């Protein structure tokens, strides 16, 4: 298995999408809550 460091090297678009989705979900939860 590759080292954890290599896991950080991923496509920027994917990271931005995941981060954006998580941020939106948290923001929605806080707003609805």
PDB file of N, CA and C in Angstrom:
ATOM      1  N   UNK A   1       0.849  -1.210   0.000  1.00  0.00           N
ATOM      2  CA  UNK A   1       0.000   0.000   0.000  1.00  0.00           C
ATOM      3  C   UNK A   1       0.880   1.254   0.000  1.00  0.00           C
ATOM      4  N   UNK A   2       0.461   2.269  -0.721  1.00  0.00           N
ATOM      5  CA  UNK A   2       1.240   3.518  -0.799  1.00  0.00           C
ATOM      6  C   UNK A   2       1.193   4.260   0.531  1.00  0.00           C
ATOM      7  N   UNK A   3       2.208   5.068   0.801  1.00  0.00           N
ATOM      8  CA  UNK A   3       2.251   5.845   2.046  1.00  0.00           C
ATOM      9  C   UNK A   3       1.118   6.852   2.109  1.00  0.00           C
ATOM     10  N   UNK A   4       0.805   7.309   3.307  1.00  0.00           N
ATOM     11  CA  UNK A   4      -0.313   8.246   3.480  1.00  0.00           C
ATOM     12  C   UNK A   4      -0.021   9.559   2.761  1.00  0.00           C
ATOM     13  N   UNK A   5       1.272   9.881   2.643  1.00  0.00           N
ATOM     14  CA  UNK A   5       1.631  11.148   1.995  1.00  0.00           C
ATOM     15  C   UNK A   5       1.133  11.177   0.557  1.00  0.00           C
ATOM     16  N   UNK A   6       1.275  10.054  -0.144  1.00  0.00           N
ATOM     17  CA  UNK A   6       0.850  10.017  -1.545  1.00  0.00           C
ATOM     18  C   UNK A   6      -0.660  10.237  -1.634  1.00  0.00           C
ATOM     19  N   UNK A   7      -1.375   9.917  -0.583  1.00  0.00           N
ATOM     20  CA  UNK A   7      -2.825  10.105  -0.588  1.00  0.00           C
ATOM     21  C   UNK A   7      -3.184  11.576  -0.688  1.00  0.00           C
ATOM     22  N   UNK A   8      -2.280  12.426  -0.210  1.00  0.00           N
ATOM     23  CA  UNK A   8      -2.583  13.860  -0.265  1.00  0.00           C
ATOM     24  C   UNK A   8      -2.491  14.374  -1.692  1.00  0.00           C
ATOM     25  N   UNK A   9      -1.687  13.683  -2.507  1.00  0.00           N
ATOM     26  CA  UNK A   9      -1.516  14.135  -3.895  1.00  0.00           C
ATOM     27  C   UNK A   9      -2.707  13.658  -4.720  1.00  0.00           C
ATOM     28  N   UNK A  10      -3.739  14.456  -4.756  1.00  0.00           N
ATOM     29  CA  UNK A  10      -4.926  14.094  -5.525  1.00  0.00           C
ATOM     30  C   UNK A  10      -5.300  15.252  -6.435  1.00  0.00           C
ATOM     31  N   UNK A  11      -6.292  15.042  -7.269  1.00  0.00           N
ATOM     32  CA  UNK A  11      -6.705  16.103  -8.191  1.00  0.00           C
ATOM     33  C   UNK A  11      -7.323  17.254  -7.404  1.00  0.00           C
ATOM     34  N   UNK A  12      -6.870  18.463  -7.698  1.00  0.00           N
ATOM     35  CA  UNK A  12      -7.398  19.638  -6.997  1.00  0.00           C
ATOM     36  C   UNK A  12      -8.908  19.751  -7.141  1.00  0.00           C
ATOM     37  N   UNK A  13      -9.458  19.590  -8.345  1.00  0.00           N
ATOM     38  CA  UNK A  13     -10.922  19.680  -8.518  1.00  0.00           C
ATOM     39  C   UNK A  13     -11.661  18.767  -7.558  1.00  0.00           C
ATOM     40  N   UNK A  14     -11.156  17.542  -7.396  1.00  0.00           N
ATOM     41  CA  UNK A  14     -11.830  16.597  -6.497  1.00  0.00           C
ATOM     42  C   UNK A  14     -11.783  17.115  -5.066  1.00  0.00           C
ATOM     43  N   UNK A  15     -10.619  17.603  -4.649  1.00  0.00           N
ATOM     44  CA  UNK A  15     -10.475  18.118  -3.279  1.00  0.00           C
ATOM     45  C   UNK A  15     -11.414  19.303  -3.080  1.00  0.00           C
ATOM     46  N   UNK A  16     -11.437  20.214  -4.057  1.00  0.00           N
ATOM     47  CA  UNK A  16     -12.300  21.392  -3.933  1.00  0.00           C
ATOM     48  C   UNK A  16     -13.752  20.960  -3.856  1.00  0.00           C
ATOM     49  N   UNK A  17     -14.132  19.958  -4.649  1.00  0.00           N
ATOM     50  CA  UNK A  17     -15.524  19.489  -4.622  1.00  0.00           C
ATOM     51  C   UNK A  17     -15.857  18.905  -3.259  1.00  0.00           C
ATOM     52  N   UNK A  18     -14.995  18.036  -2.756  1.00  0.00           N
ATOM     53  CA  UNK A  18     -15.249  17.406  -1.451  1.00  0.00           C
ATOM     54  C   UNK A  18     -15.316  18.470  -0.359  1.00  0.00           C
ATOM     55  N   UNK A  19     -14.342  19.391  -0.367  1.00  0.00           N
ATOM     56  CA  UNK A  19     -14.330  20.437   0.659  1.00  0.00           C
ATOM     57  C   UNK A  19     -15.564  21.313   0.530  1.00  0.00           C
ATOM     58  N   UNK A  20     -15.915  21.680  -0.698  1.00  0.00           N
ATOM     59  CA  UNK A  20     -17.084  22.532  -0.912  1.00  0.00           C
ATOM     60  C   UNK A  20     -18.353  21.841  -0.451  1.00  0.00           C
ATOM     61  N   UNK A  21     -18.489  20.556  -0.789  1.00  0.00           N
ATOM     62  CA  UNK A  21     -19.693  19.822  -0.390  1.00  0.00           C
ATOM     63  C   UNK A  21     -19.777  19.728   1.123  1.00  0.00           C
ATOM     64  N   UNK A  22     -18.664  19.404   1.770  1.00  0.00           N
ATOM     65  CA  UNK A  22     -18.671  19.277   3.235  1.00  0.00           C
ATOM     66  C   UNK A  22     -19.007  20.622   3.860  1.00  0.00           C
ATOM     67  N   UNK A  23     -18.432  21.698   3.339  1.00  0.00           N
ATOM     68  CA  UNK A  23     -18.712  23.026   3.895  1.00  0.00           C
ATOM     69  C   UNK A  23     -20.178  23.365   3.726  1.00  0.00           C
ATOM     70  N   UNK A  24     -20.726  23.094   2.544  1.00  0.00           N
ATOM     71  CA  UNK A  24     -22.135  23.395   2.296  1.00  0.00           C
ATOM     72  C   UNK A  24     -23.017  22.579   3.222  1.00  0.00           C
ATOM     73  N   UNK A  25     -22.679  21.305   3.416  1.00  0.00           N
ATOM     74  CA  UNK A  25     -23.487  20.454   4.293  1.00  0.00           C
ATOM     75  C   UNK A  25     -23.467  20.993   5.714  1.00  0.00           C
ATOM     76  N   UNK A  26     -22.286  21.338   6.212  1.00  0.00           N
ATOM     77  CA  UNK A  26     -22.181  21.866   7.585  1.00  0.00           C
ATOM     78  C   UNK A  26     -22.964  23.173   7.681  1.00  0.00           C
ATOM     79  N   UNK A  27     -22.823  24.034   6.673  1.00  0.00           N
ATOM     80  CA  UNK A  27     -23.518  25.322   6.711  1.00  0.00           C
ATOM     81  C   UNK A  27     -25.025  25.094   6.724  1.00  0.00           C
ATOM     82  N   UNK A  28     -25.492  24.146   5.940  1.00  0.00           N
ATOM     83  CA  UNK A  28     -26.931  23.857   5.911  1.00  0.00           C
ATOM     84  C   UNK A  28     -27.392  23.326   7.261  1.00  0.00           C
ATOM     85  N   UNK A  29     -26.609  22.431   7.846  1.00  0.00           N
ATOM     86  CA  UNK A  29     -26.977  21.862   9.146  1.00  0.00           C
ATOM     87  C   UNK A  29     -27.056  22.970  10.189  1.00  0.00           C
ATOM     88  N   UNK A  30     -26.076  23.875  10.196  1.00  0.00           N
ATOM     89  CA  UNK A  30     -26.087  24.965  11.171  1.00  0.00           C
ATOM     90  C   UNK A  30     -27.283  25.873  10.928  1.00  0.00           C
ATOM     91  N   UNK A  31     -27.583  26.129   9.665  1.00  0.00           N
ATOM     92  CA  UNK A  31     -28.702  27.025   9.341  1.00  0.00           C
ATOM     93  C   UNK A  31     -30.031  26.370   9.718  1.00  0.00           C
ATOM     94  N   UNK A  32     -30.198  25.098   9.356  1.00  0.00           N
ATOM     95  CA  UNK A  32     -31.453  24.410   9.675  1.00  0.00           C
ATOM     96  C   UNK A  32     -31.570  24.176  11.179  1.00  0.00           C
ATOM     97  N   UNK A  33     -30.433  23.934  11.831  1.00  0.00           N
ATOM     98  CA  UNK A  33     -30.461  23.636  13.255  1.00  0.00           C
ATOM     99  C   UNK A  33     -30.814  24.895  14.032  1.00  0.00           C
TER     100      UNK A  33
END
